[in-house]
């Protein structure tokens, strides 16, 4: 095995946590990474066409060495292999930031429901950004196999279970802390940081309207699309690509509000914990493992009840918060530290490369 691996990373949906993670890996990894990317638009289109675009670019322009292929759930890996069969010989890792599998019990069949399952089956390893996501994927994949008799005869679930790993995405925690220390503006107790991407904006609008009716003034700083957000709410918006601006705002806000009950990993939630910004999050998704248990009752709301979210927001001002959770927060954040996470990624990639059959 070479001292440094040459890793080809293909990211069809280069935005949000996907972009942040790859930027940090390229900066901190001891291996050489080449990243090809497409902008984060229309996931269904990426699942259909991204493999063809990457294959065309690689066929026309690629002249380098490849020791390993690294991609995300937004790529149809079997399609890429059909177009570039030489890549089948390379060890491959698929990082699942999210998945497009139907929920267990949902009998509707979408045009792309088998893509993630096929990609996971084709990869040497599949990595997940949270334990919640890993379990969620396996439950949905198992239900999908049960719905398709042609898959049951060669059940992929034992093999998928064997090659599934939890691998925390790297986050630059030190940068968040440095911005907080350098900040000269005091924290605004009435400023809320809200991420609207993939959020239940209808619930968010209803809850914030309730807070307004109760006579509580506040301001929002938002990241993500705002077309569905009520225009009556006082707000300013930060670009989704302005990481420094987001972190600066997070350090000034008193509260971080999430309206994403099934999210698999929350970059802004991690930043909120680092910045000591009080999180108000739904009871579901990744939050049970992202927040210490001491914080659950004070931070979590019923994701189907706007009044529950409104009450949690008001609790921030009038109810005494729990204490003594800082050591638990530090323990939860440790795997996300950029250096530690990239070291774990490097080590696992080296093990995969060493175990690959010699040509």
Protein backbone atom coordinates (compact mmCIF):
# COMPACT_ATOMS: atom_id res chain seq x y z
CA UNK A 1 0.00 0.00 0.00
CA UNK A 2 1.40 3.48 -0.88
CA UNK A 3 2.30 5.90 1.92
CA UNK A 4 -0.44 8.19 0.62
CA UNK A 5 -3.62 7.03 -1.04
CA UNK A 6 -5.01 8.78 -4.09
CA UNK A 7 -8.74 9.07 -3.39
CA UNK A 8 -11.24 10.09 -6.03
CA UNK A 9 -14.25 11.75 -4.35
CA UNK A 10 -17.44 12.28 -6.36
CA UNK A 11 -20.12 14.50 -4.79
CA UNK A 12 -23.23 15.10 -6.93
CA UNK A 13 -24.90 17.28 -4.26
CA UNK A 14 -22.13 19.62 -3.10
CA UNK A 15 -23.77 21.76 -0.44
CA UNK A 16 -24.46 21.96 3.28
CA UNK A 17 -22.85 19.24 5.37
CA UNK A 18 -21.59 17.43 2.25
CA UNK A 19 -19.57 20.46 1.20
CA UNK A 20 -18.35 21.23 4.72
CA UNK A 21 -17.25 17.65 5.31
CA UNK A 22 -15.28 17.30 2.07
CA UNK A 23 -13.59 20.68 2.53
CA UNK A 24 -12.38 19.64 5.99
CA UNK A 25 -11.28 16.18 4.84
CA UNK A 26 -9.24 17.61 1.97
CA UNK A 27 -7.62 20.03 4.41
CA UNK A 28 -6.93 17.60 7.26
CA UNK A 29 -6.47 14.17 5.67
CA UNK A 30 -2.97 12.80 5.14
CA UNK A 31 -4.07 11.32 1.81
CA UNK A 32 -4.44 13.02 -1.59
CA UNK A 33 -8.05 13.79 -2.48
CA UNK A 34 -9.40 14.78 -5.89
CA UNK A 35 -12.97 16.08 -5.63
CA UNK A 36 -15.39 16.27 -8.55
CA UNK A 37 -18.70 17.91 -7.68
CA UNK A 38 -22.06 19.14 -8.89
CA UNK A 39 -24.20 21.88 -7.28
CA UNK A 40 -26.87 20.85 -4.73
CA UNK A 41 -29.96 20.90 -6.95
CA UNK A 42 -32.76 18.36 -7.43
CA UNK A 43 -31.71 15.17 -5.71
CA UNK A 44 -33.86 13.03 -8.02
CA UNK A 45 -31.98 14.43 -11.02
CA UNK A 46 -28.63 13.70 -9.39
CA UNK A 47 -29.63 10.09 -8.73
CA UNK A 48 -30.60 9.73 -12.40
CA UNK A 49 -27.84 11.57 -14.24
CA UNK A 50 -24.83 12.33 -12.01
CA UNK A 51 -23.07 9.02 -12.77
CA UNK A 52 -23.24 9.79 -16.50
CA UNK A 53 -21.80 13.29 -16.02
CA UNK A 54 -18.94 12.08 -13.83
CA UNK A 55 -18.16 9.21 -16.21
CA UNK A 56 -17.97 11.61 -19.13
CA UNK A 57 -15.64 13.99 -17.26
CA UNK A 58 -13.38 11.17 -16.08
CA UNK A 59 -13.23 9.57 -19.52
CA UNK A 60 -12.28 12.86 -21.17
CA UNK A 61 -9.98 14.42 -18.61
CA UNK A 62 -8.78 12.01 -15.91
CA UNK A 63 -5.09 11.09 -16.09
CA UNK A 64 -4.27 10.53 -12.42
CA UNK A 65 -3.98 7.51 -10.18
CA UNK A 66 -6.93 6.15 -8.19
CA UNK A 67 -6.48 3.94 -5.14
CA UNK A 68 -10.00 4.34 -3.80
CA UNK A 69 -13.42 5.72 -4.75
CA UNK A 70 -15.36 7.83 -2.23
CA UNK A 71 -18.85 9.06 -2.99
CA UNK A 72 -22.16 9.89 -1.35
CA UNK A 73 -25.71 8.62 -1.41
CA UNK A 74 -26.54 11.10 -4.21
CA UNK A 75 -24.76 8.91 -6.79
CA UNK A 76 -26.02 5.80 -8.55
CA UNK A 77 -22.88 3.68 -8.07
CA UNK A 78 -23.95 0.70 -10.27
CA UNK A 79 -24.55 3.15 -13.14
CA UNK A 80 -21.05 4.56 -12.70
CA UNK A 81 -19.58 1.04 -12.73
CA UNK A 82 -21.43 0.21 -15.95
CA UNK A 83 -20.02 3.32 -17.59
CA UNK A 84 -16.51 2.96 -16.10
CA UNK A 85 -15.89 -0.75 -15.40
CA UNK A 86 -12.24 -0.05 -14.50
CA UNK A 87 -13.45 1.54 -11.24
CA UNK A 88 -15.00 -1.74 -10.09
CA UNK A 89 -11.47 -2.89 -9.24
CA UNK A 90 -11.04 -0.03 -6.75
CA UNK A 91 -12.25 -0.21 -3.13
CA UNK A 92 -15.28 2.05 -2.71
CA UNK A 93 -16.94 3.84 0.19
CA UNK A 94 -20.37 5.45 0.04
CA UNK A 95 -21.09 8.04 2.73
CA UNK A 96 -24.79 8.31 3.51
CA UNK A 97 -25.62 11.86 4.58
CA UNK A 98 -29.30 11.08 3.95
CA UNK A 99 -31.26 8.45 2.07
CA UNK A 100 -34.16 8.40 -0.33
CA UNK A 101 -35.62 5.05 0.73
CA UNK A 102 -39.34 4.98 1.48
CA UNK A 103 -40.39 4.79 5.11
CA UNK A 104 -41.12 1.30 6.42
CA UNK A 105 -44.83 0.64 5.92
CA UNK A 106 -45.12 3.06 2.97
CA UNK A 107 -46.33 0.96 0.03
CA UNK A 108 -45.87 3.72 -2.55
CA UNK A 109 -43.18 3.01 -5.12
CA UNK A 110 -41.12 5.96 -6.32
CA UNK A 111 -38.94 5.97 -9.44
CA UNK A 112 -35.72 6.14 -7.40
CA UNK A 113 -36.55 3.96 -4.41
CA UNK A 114 -34.06 1.22 -5.35
CA UNK A 115 -31.10 3.50 -6.19
CA UNK A 116 -29.77 3.89 -2.64
CA UNK A 117 -30.17 0.16 -2.00
CA UNK A 118 -28.32 -0.72 -5.23
CA UNK A 119 -25.56 1.76 -4.43
CA UNK A 120 -25.16 0.37 -0.90
CA UNK A 121 -25.00 -3.17 -2.28
CA UNK A 122 -22.35 -2.23 -4.86
CA UNK A 123 -20.02 -0.44 -2.39
CA UNK A 124 -17.28 -2.10 -0.33
CA UNK A 125 -18.40 -0.14 2.73
CA UNK A 126 -21.26 2.17 3.60
CA UNK A 127 -20.77 4.87 6.22
CA UNK A 128 -23.47 6.72 8.13
CA UNK A 129 -23.38 10.09 9.87
CA UNK A 130 -25.33 8.95 12.95
CA UNK A 131 -26.48 5.81 14.71
CA UNK A 132 -30.07 6.93 14.12
CA UNK A 133 -29.40 7.08 10.38
CA UNK A 134 -27.74 3.67 10.28
CA UNK A 135 -30.69 2.03 12.04
CA UNK A 136 -33.20 4.01 9.98
CA UNK A 137 -31.54 2.96 6.71
CA UNK A 138 -31.44 -0.71 7.69
CA UNK A 139 -35.12 -0.71 8.72
CA UNK A 140 -36.21 0.95 5.48
CA UNK A 141 -33.93 -1.24 3.34
CA UNK A 142 -35.29 -4.40 4.98
CA UNK A 143 -38.87 -3.26 4.33
CA UNK A 144 -37.96 -2.47 0.72
CA UNK A 145 -36.50 -5.96 0.22
CA UNK A 146 -39.69 -7.48 1.63
CA UNK A 147 -41.77 -5.51 -0.89
CA UNK A 148 -39.72 -6.79 -3.84
CA UNK A 149 -39.82 -10.60 -4.12
CA UNK A 150 -37.04 -10.55 -6.73
CA UNK A 151 -34.68 -9.19 -4.04
CA UNK A 152 -35.71 -11.64 -1.33
CA UNK A 153 -34.13 -14.64 -3.09
CA UNK A 154 -30.72 -12.97 -2.73
CA UNK A 155 -31.34 -10.99 0.43
CA UNK A 156 -28.70 -8.21 0.62
CA UNK A 157 -29.41 -7.33 4.25
CA UNK A 158 -26.78 -9.56 5.96
CA UNK A 159 -24.06 -8.14 3.70
CA UNK A 160 -25.28 -4.55 4.16
CA UNK A 161 -25.25 -5.01 7.92
CA UNK A 162 -21.69 -6.32 7.79
CA UNK A 163 -20.30 -3.39 5.85
CA UNK A 164 -22.26 -0.58 7.56
CA UNK A 165 -20.24 1.70 9.87
CA UNK A 166 -20.91 4.80 11.92
CA UNK A 167 -18.41 7.49 10.85
CA UNK A 168 -18.94 10.96 12.34
CA UNK A 169 -18.52 13.81 9.85
CA UNK A 170 -15.67 16.21 10.69
CA UNK A 171 -16.64 19.69 11.93
CA UNK A 172 -14.19 22.52 12.66
CA UNK A 173 -15.09 22.93 16.34
CA UNK A 174 -12.08 25.13 17.10
CA UNK A 175 -13.14 27.72 14.51
CA UNK A 176 -16.58 27.97 16.13
CA UNK A 177 -14.98 28.50 19.54
CA UNK A 178 -12.54 31.11 18.18
CA UNK A 179 -15.35 33.11 16.61
CA UNK A 180 -17.17 33.07 19.95
CA UNK A 181 -14.11 34.29 21.85
CA UNK A 182 -13.43 37.05 19.31
CA UNK A 183 -17.03 38.27 19.24
CA UNK A 184 -17.48 41.78 20.65
CA UNK A 185 -21.27 41.79 20.36
CA UNK A 186 -23.20 40.45 23.37
CA UNK A 187 -25.59 37.55 22.90
CA UNK A 188 -29.10 38.72 22.00
CA UNK A 189 -31.64 36.93 24.19
CA UNK A 190 -34.36 37.57 21.58
CA UNK A 191 -32.42 36.40 18.52
CA UNK A 192 -33.19 32.94 17.09
CA UNK A 193 -31.06 31.08 14.57
CA UNK A 194 -33.20 28.95 12.21
CA UNK A 195 -32.21 26.55 9.43
CA UNK A 196 -35.11 26.29 6.94
CA UNK A 197 -33.58 23.76 4.54
CA UNK A 198 -35.76 20.59 4.63
CA UNK A 199 -37.61 21.99 7.65
CA UNK A 200 -41.31 21.77 8.47
CA UNK A 201 -41.85 25.45 7.72
CA UNK A 202 -45.62 25.21 8.20
CA UNK A 203 -45.11 24.12 11.81
CA UNK A 204 -42.42 26.77 12.25
CA UNK A 205 -44.72 29.54 10.98
CA UNK A 206 -47.55 28.41 13.25
CA UNK A 207 -45.35 28.22 16.34
CA UNK A 208 -43.68 31.61 15.79
CA UNK A 209 -47.07 33.22 15.08
CA UNK A 210 -48.26 31.89 18.44
CA UNK A 211 -45.23 33.44 20.17
CA UNK A 212 -46.04 36.78 18.47
CA UNK A 213 -49.70 36.60 19.62
CA UNK A 214 -48.49 36.03 23.17
CA UNK A 215 -46.72 39.39 22.98
CA UNK A 216 -43.14 38.15 22.84
CA UNK A 217 -40.79 40.12 20.55
CA UNK A 218 -37.98 38.30 18.74
CA UNK A 219 -35.83 38.36 15.61
CA UNK A 220 -34.75 35.57 13.28
CA UNK A 221 -31.52 34.94 11.47
CA UNK A 222 -32.20 32.27 8.85
CA UNK A 223 -30.15 29.98 6.64
CA UNK A 224 -31.83 28.29 3.69
CA UNK A 225 -34.86 29.04 1.51
CA UNK A 226 -37.34 31.57 2.88
CA UNK A 227 -40.10 31.47 0.25
CA UNK A 228 -42.46 29.56 2.57
CA UNK A 229 -41.48 31.43 5.73
CA UNK A 230 -44.06 33.99 6.86
CA UNK A 231 -43.20 37.51 5.70
CA UNK A 232 -44.62 38.86 8.99
CA UNK A 233 -41.65 37.48 10.92
CA UNK A 234 -38.73 39.90 11.46
CA UNK A 235 -35.68 38.27 9.95
CA UNK A 236 -32.44 38.51 8.04
CA UNK A 237 -30.95 35.72 5.93
CA UNK A 238 -27.39 34.42 5.63
CA UNK A 239 -26.15 32.58 2.55
CA UNK A 240 -25.88 28.81 2.84
CA UNK A 241 -22.27 29.05 1.62
CA UNK A 242 -21.24 31.72 4.18
CA UNK A 243 -19.93 29.47 6.97
CA UNK A 244 -18.18 32.32 8.77
CA UNK A 245 -21.35 34.41 8.73
CA UNK A 246 -23.42 31.50 10.02
CA UNK A 247 -21.04 30.80 12.89
CA UNK A 248 -20.84 34.51 13.75
CA UNK A 249 -24.67 34.67 13.90
CA UNK A 250 -24.83 31.45 15.92
CA UNK A 251 -22.55 32.98 18.54
CA UNK A 252 -24.83 36.03 18.80
CA UNK A 253 -28.13 34.15 18.89
CA UNK A 254 -29.56 32.92 22.18
CA UNK A 255 -31.55 30.05 20.67
CA UNK A 256 -31.15 27.61 17.80
CA UNK A 257 -34.48 26.27 16.49
CA UNK A 258 -34.75 23.14 14.36
CA UNK A 259 -37.95 22.03 12.65
CA UNK A 260 -36.49 18.87 11.07
CA UNK A 261 -37.86 15.85 12.99
CA UNK A 262 -36.26 13.16 10.80
CA UNK A 263 -32.87 14.74 10.13
CA UNK A 264 -29.95 12.31 10.20
CA UNK A 265 -27.27 14.84 11.20
CA UNK A 266 -27.53 18.52 12.08
CA UNK A 267 -24.49 20.68 11.37
CA UNK A 268 -26.11 23.74 12.92
CA UNK A 269 -27.17 21.70 15.93
CA UNK A 270 -23.53 20.72 16.46
CA UNK A 271 -22.47 24.35 16.07
CA UNK A 272 -25.12 25.40 18.59
CA UNK A 273 -23.71 23.02 21.21
CA UNK A 274 -20.18 24.33 20.61
CA UNK A 275 -21.31 27.97 20.73
CA UNK A 276 -23.43 27.37 23.86
CA UNK A 277 -26.53 28.49 21.95
CA UNK A 278 -29.62 26.92 23.53
CA UNK A 279 -31.10 24.27 21.18
CA UNK A 280 -34.83 23.80 20.71
CA UNK A 281 -35.30 20.69 18.59
CA UNK A 282 -37.97 18.11 17.71
CA UNK A 283 -38.29 14.84 19.57
CA UNK A 284 -37.03 12.59 16.78
CA UNK A 285 -34.27 12.07 14.26
CA UNK A 286 -30.68 12.42 15.42
CA UNK A 287 -31.41 14.67 18.38
CA UNK A 288 -31.76 11.93 20.99
CA UNK A 289 -28.07 11.09 20.47
CA UNK A 290 -26.86 14.62 19.70
CA UNK A 291 -28.13 16.15 22.95
CA UNK A 292 -27.31 14.92 26.48
CA UNK A 293 -30.24 13.26 28.24
CA UNK A 294 -30.18 16.01 30.87
CA UNK A 295 -31.25 18.47 28.15
CA UNK A 296 -33.96 16.40 26.46
CA UNK A 297 -37.01 17.46 28.47
CA UNK A 298 -36.05 21.15 28.35
CA UNK A 299 -35.03 21.26 24.69
CA UNK A 300 -37.31 18.86 22.82
CA UNK A 301 -40.84 19.47 21.59
CA UNK A 302 -43.55 17.37 19.95
CA UNK A 303 -42.84 17.65 16.19
CA UNK A 304 -46.57 17.37 15.38
CA UNK A 305 -47.63 20.20 17.69
CA UNK A 306 -46.86 23.86 16.95
CA UNK A 307 -47.99 24.88 20.45
CA UNK A 308 -45.38 22.53 21.90
CA UNK A 309 -42.66 24.37 19.96
CA UNK A 310 -44.06 27.76 20.97
CA UNK A 311 -44.03 26.71 24.63
CA UNK A 312 -40.41 25.54 24.40
CA UNK A 313 -39.46 28.93 22.96
CA UNK A 314 -41.13 30.76 25.83
CA UNK A 315 -39.57 28.37 28.34
CA UNK A 316 -36.21 29.74 27.23
CA UNK A 317 -37.08 33.09 28.78
CA UNK A 318 -39.05 32.05 31.84
CA UNK A 319 -38.07 28.53 32.96
CA UNK A 320 -34.77 27.75 34.67
CA UNK A 321 -32.59 25.58 32.43
CA UNK A 322 -30.87 22.36 33.56
CA UNK A 323 -27.22 22.52 34.58
CA UNK A 324 -24.28 20.13 34.71
CA UNK A 325 -24.54 18.92 31.12
CA UNK A 326 -21.27 20.41 29.84
CA UNK A 327 -19.16 17.21 30.31
CA UNK A 328 -21.78 15.21 28.40
CA UNK A 329 -21.77 17.78 25.58
CA UNK A 330 -17.98 17.57 25.35
CA UNK A 331 -18.17 13.78 25.10
CA UNK A 332 -20.82 13.95 22.36
CA UNK A 333 -18.83 16.52 20.36
CA UNK A 334 -15.49 14.73 20.57
CA UNK A 335 -16.02 12.39 17.55
CA UNK A 336 -16.91 15.40 15.37
CA UNK A 337 -13.62 17.22 16.01
CA UNK A 338 -12.01 17.77 12.60
CA UNK A 339 -8.64 16.22 13.48
CA UNK A 340 -10.09 13.22 15.34
CA UNK A 341 -12.76 12.53 12.69
CA UNK A 342 -10.32 12.82 9.78
CA UNK A 343 -7.85 10.54 11.57
CA UNK A 344 -10.59 7.90 11.96
CA UNK A 345 -11.52 8.28 8.29
CA UNK A 346 -7.89 8.01 7.15
CA UNK A 347 -7.30 4.92 9.25
CA UNK A 348 -10.36 3.11 7.93
CA UNK A 349 -9.52 4.00 4.32
CA UNK A 350 -6.01 2.63 4.81
CA UNK A 351 -7.42 -0.61 6.21
CA UNK A 352 -9.72 -0.96 3.22
CA UNK A 353 -6.89 -0.30 0.78
CA UNK A 354 -4.64 -2.84 2.53
CA UNK A 355 -7.39 -5.48 2.40
CA UNK A 356 -8.14 -4.93 -1.29
CA UNK A 357 -7.10 -7.82 -3.58
CA UNK A 358 -3.78 -7.25 -5.33
CA UNK A 359 -3.97 -7.10 -9.13
